[in-house]
N, C-alpha and C. Protein backbone atom coordinates (compact mmCIF):
# COMPACT_ATOMS: atom_id res chain seq x y z
N UNK A 1 0.84 -1.20 0.02
CA UNK A 1 0.03 -0.02 0.07
C UNK A 1 0.87 1.26 0.08
N UNK A 2 2.11 1.14 0.49
CA UNK A 2 3.01 2.25 0.58
C UNK A 2 3.23 2.67 -0.77
N UNK A 3 3.47 1.75 -1.77
CA UNK A 3 3.71 2.03 -3.12
C UNK A 3 2.59 2.81 -3.74
N UNK A 4 1.33 2.43 -3.53
CA UNK A 4 0.18 3.16 -4.06
C UNK A 4 0.10 4.60 -3.52
N UNK A 5 0.36 4.71 -2.23
CA UNK A 5 0.35 6.01 -1.59
C UNK A 5 1.52 6.92 -2.22
N UNK A 6 2.65 6.34 -2.37
CA UNK A 6 3.74 7.20 -3.02
C UNK A 6 3.38 7.52 -4.44
N UNK A 7 2.78 6.67 -5.13
CA UNK A 7 2.48 7.07 -6.58
C UNK A 7 1.37 8.04 -6.59
N UNK A 8 0.34 7.95 -5.69
CA UNK A 8 -0.71 9.01 -5.53
C UNK A 8 -0.14 10.40 -5.31
N UNK A 9 0.88 10.36 -4.33
CA UNK A 9 1.46 11.61 -3.93
C UNK A 9 2.27 12.28 -5.08
N UNK A 10 2.93 11.39 -5.92
CA UNK A 10 3.62 11.94 -7.04
C UNK A 10 2.64 12.41 -8.15
N UNK A 11 1.57 11.77 -8.31
CA UNK A 11 0.65 12.24 -9.28
C UNK A 11 -0.11 13.58 -8.83
N UNK A 12 -0.30 13.69 -7.50
CA UNK A 12 -0.81 14.91 -6.99
C UNK A 12 0.00 16.16 -7.26
N UNK A 13 1.35 15.95 -7.22
CA UNK A 13 2.22 17.00 -7.56
C UNK A 13 2.18 17.36 -9.02
N UNK A 14 1.80 16.46 -9.81
CA UNK A 14 1.56 16.73 -11.31
C UNK A 14 0.16 17.26 -11.60
N UNK A 15 -0.65 17.27 -10.68
CA UNK A 15 -2.01 17.83 -10.87
C UNK A 15 -2.98 16.70 -11.32
N UNK A 16 -2.59 15.42 -11.21
CA UNK A 16 -3.40 14.30 -11.50
C UNK A 16 -4.09 13.69 -10.17
N UNK A 17 -5.25 13.28 -10.28
CA UNK A 17 -5.90 12.78 -9.00
C UNK A 17 -6.46 11.39 -9.46
N UNK A 18 -5.78 10.28 -9.18
CA UNK A 18 -6.33 9.01 -9.50
C UNK A 18 -7.52 8.51 -8.66
N UNK A 19 -8.31 7.67 -9.17
CA UNK A 19 -9.52 7.17 -8.50
C UNK A 19 -9.33 5.66 -8.48
N UNK A 20 -9.51 5.09 -7.19
CA UNK A 20 -9.56 3.60 -7.12
C UNK A 20 -10.93 3.13 -7.39
N UNK A 21 -11.10 2.20 -8.29
CA UNK A 21 -12.43 1.73 -8.76
C UNK A 21 -12.66 0.35 -8.02
N UNK A 22 -11.71 -0.41 -7.78
CA UNK A 22 -11.84 -1.77 -7.19
C UNK A 22 -12.23 -1.60 -5.70
N UNK A 23 -13.37 -2.01 -5.35
CA UNK A 23 -13.82 -1.96 -3.98
C UNK A 23 -12.88 -2.52 -2.84
N UNK A 24 -12.38 -3.70 -3.19
CA UNK A 24 -11.47 -4.35 -2.14
C UNK A 24 -10.18 -3.60 -2.01
N UNK A 25 -9.58 -3.07 -3.17
CA UNK A 25 -8.38 -2.24 -3.14
C UNK A 25 -8.62 -0.89 -2.37
N UNK A 26 -9.79 -0.35 -2.65
CA UNK A 26 -10.17 0.81 -1.97
C UNK A 26 -10.39 0.71 -0.46
N UNK A 27 -10.92 -0.37 -0.03
CA UNK A 27 -11.10 -0.75 1.38
C UNK A 27 -9.75 -0.99 2.08
N UNK A 28 -8.88 -1.73 1.30
CA UNK A 28 -7.56 -1.98 1.91
C UNK A 28 -6.68 -0.70 1.97
N UNK A 29 -6.82 0.10 1.05
CA UNK A 29 -5.99 1.34 1.02
C UNK A 29 -6.51 2.22 2.16
N UNK A 30 -7.80 2.41 2.32
CA UNK A 30 -8.48 3.12 3.43
C UNK A 30 -8.00 2.62 4.75
N UNK A 31 -7.91 1.34 4.99
CA UNK A 31 -7.50 0.68 6.20
C UNK A 31 -5.96 0.95 6.45
N UNK A 32 -5.26 0.86 5.34
CA UNK A 32 -3.78 1.15 5.51
C UNK A 32 -3.64 2.61 5.92
N UNK A 33 -4.34 3.54 5.25
CA UNK A 33 -4.22 4.94 5.58
C UNK A 33 -4.56 5.25 7.01
N UNK A 34 -5.58 4.60 7.60
CA UNK A 34 -6.02 4.84 8.88
C UNK A 34 -5.03 4.37 9.94
N UNK A 35 -4.40 3.29 9.58
CA UNK A 35 -3.45 2.64 10.58
C UNK A 35 -2.15 3.34 10.47
N UNK A 36 -1.73 4.06 9.39
CA UNK A 36 -0.42 4.81 9.22
C UNK A 36 -0.66 6.19 9.13
N UNK A 37 -1.80 6.75 9.70
CA UNK A 37 -2.01 8.21 9.46
C UNK A 37 -0.96 8.98 10.16
N UNK A 38 -0.44 8.69 11.28
CA UNK A 38 0.61 9.49 11.98
C UNK A 38 1.87 9.54 11.29
N UNK A 39 2.38 8.42 10.72
CA UNK A 39 3.62 8.38 9.99
C UNK A 39 3.46 9.13 8.67
N UNK A 40 2.24 9.04 8.10
CA UNK A 40 2.11 9.68 6.81
C UNK A 40 2.00 11.17 6.98
N UNK A 41 1.47 11.66 8.06
CA UNK A 41 1.41 13.02 8.43
C UNK A 41 2.85 13.61 8.52
N UNK A 42 3.66 12.80 9.24
CA UNK A 42 5.06 13.34 9.36
C UNK A 42 5.88 13.30 8.06
N UNK A 43 5.49 12.24 7.21
CA UNK A 43 6.19 12.30 5.95
C UNK A 43 5.78 13.46 5.09
N UNK A 44 4.49 13.87 5.16
CA UNK A 44 3.97 14.94 4.30
C UNK A 44 4.52 16.25 4.90
N UNK A 45 4.76 16.44 6.12
CA UNK A 45 5.16 17.73 6.73
C UNK A 45 6.62 18.00 6.42
N UNK A 46 7.44 16.96 6.41
CA UNK A 46 8.88 17.14 6.12
C UNK A 46 9.08 17.44 4.57
N UNK A 47 9.45 18.61 4.26
CA UNK A 47 9.54 19.03 2.87
C UNK A 47 11.01 19.30 2.70
N UNK A 48 11.69 18.59 1.87
CA UNK A 48 13.06 18.82 1.47
C UNK A 48 13.07 19.26 -0.01
N UNK A 49 13.49 20.45 -0.28
CA UNK A 49 13.59 21.00 -1.65
C UNK A 49 14.38 20.00 -2.52
N UNK A 50 13.99 19.85 -3.74
CA UNK A 50 14.92 19.06 -4.61
C UNK A 50 16.02 19.72 -5.12
N UNK A 51 15.91 20.98 -5.42
CA UNK A 51 17.01 21.75 -5.86
C UNK A 51 17.15 22.99 -4.99
N UNK A 52 18.26 23.14 -4.30
CA UNK A 52 18.38 24.30 -3.45
C UNK A 52 18.59 25.60 -4.27
N UNK A 53 18.08 26.74 -3.81
CA UNK A 53 18.24 27.98 -4.55
C UNK A 53 19.73 28.27 -4.57
N UNK A 54 20.32 28.66 -5.62
CA UNK A 54 21.66 29.04 -5.77
C UNK A 54 21.89 30.52 -5.28
N UNK A 55 22.65 30.63 -4.30
CA UNK A 55 22.92 31.94 -3.71
C UNK A 55 24.30 32.05 -3.35
N UNK A 56 24.97 33.17 -3.75
CA UNK A 56 26.37 33.42 -3.35
C UNK A 56 26.42 34.70 -2.47
N UNK A 57 26.78 34.55 -1.26
CA UNK A 57 26.85 35.58 -0.25
C UNK A 57 25.50 36.25 -0.13
N UNK A 58 24.35 35.47 -0.18
CA UNK A 58 23.02 36.04 0.15
C UNK A 58 22.45 36.72 -1.06
N UNK A 59 23.08 36.81 -2.25
CA UNK A 59 22.63 37.42 -3.40
C UNK A 59 22.15 36.42 -4.48
N UNK A 60 20.93 36.45 -4.96
CA UNK A 60 20.52 35.52 -5.99
C UNK A 60 21.12 35.89 -7.33
N UNK A 61 21.46 34.95 -8.18
CA UNK A 61 22.02 35.35 -9.52
C UNK A 61 20.97 35.84 -10.40
N UNK A 62 21.39 36.53 -11.42
CA UNK A 62 20.48 37.08 -12.36
C UNK A 62 20.14 36.05 -13.38
N UNK A 63 18.96 35.96 -13.90
CA UNK A 63 18.52 35.01 -15.00
C UNK A 63 18.92 35.47 -16.31
N UNK A 64 19.33 36.69 -16.54
CA UNK A 64 19.61 37.25 -17.82
C UNK A 64 20.90 36.77 -18.38
């Protein structure tokens, strides 16, 4: 289920919102989310930027 959650999070960043149609998969995913809600909350709150902003001595470079 962690793999499904990770894929859903990646798709949300791209603006896509997948829908689970299989009732058993939907039920299992809901149960997994309820049991792991605290760890998922911590994973979502920790945001590490992929690319740090380039700065030299506190001055951002010009894009020109």
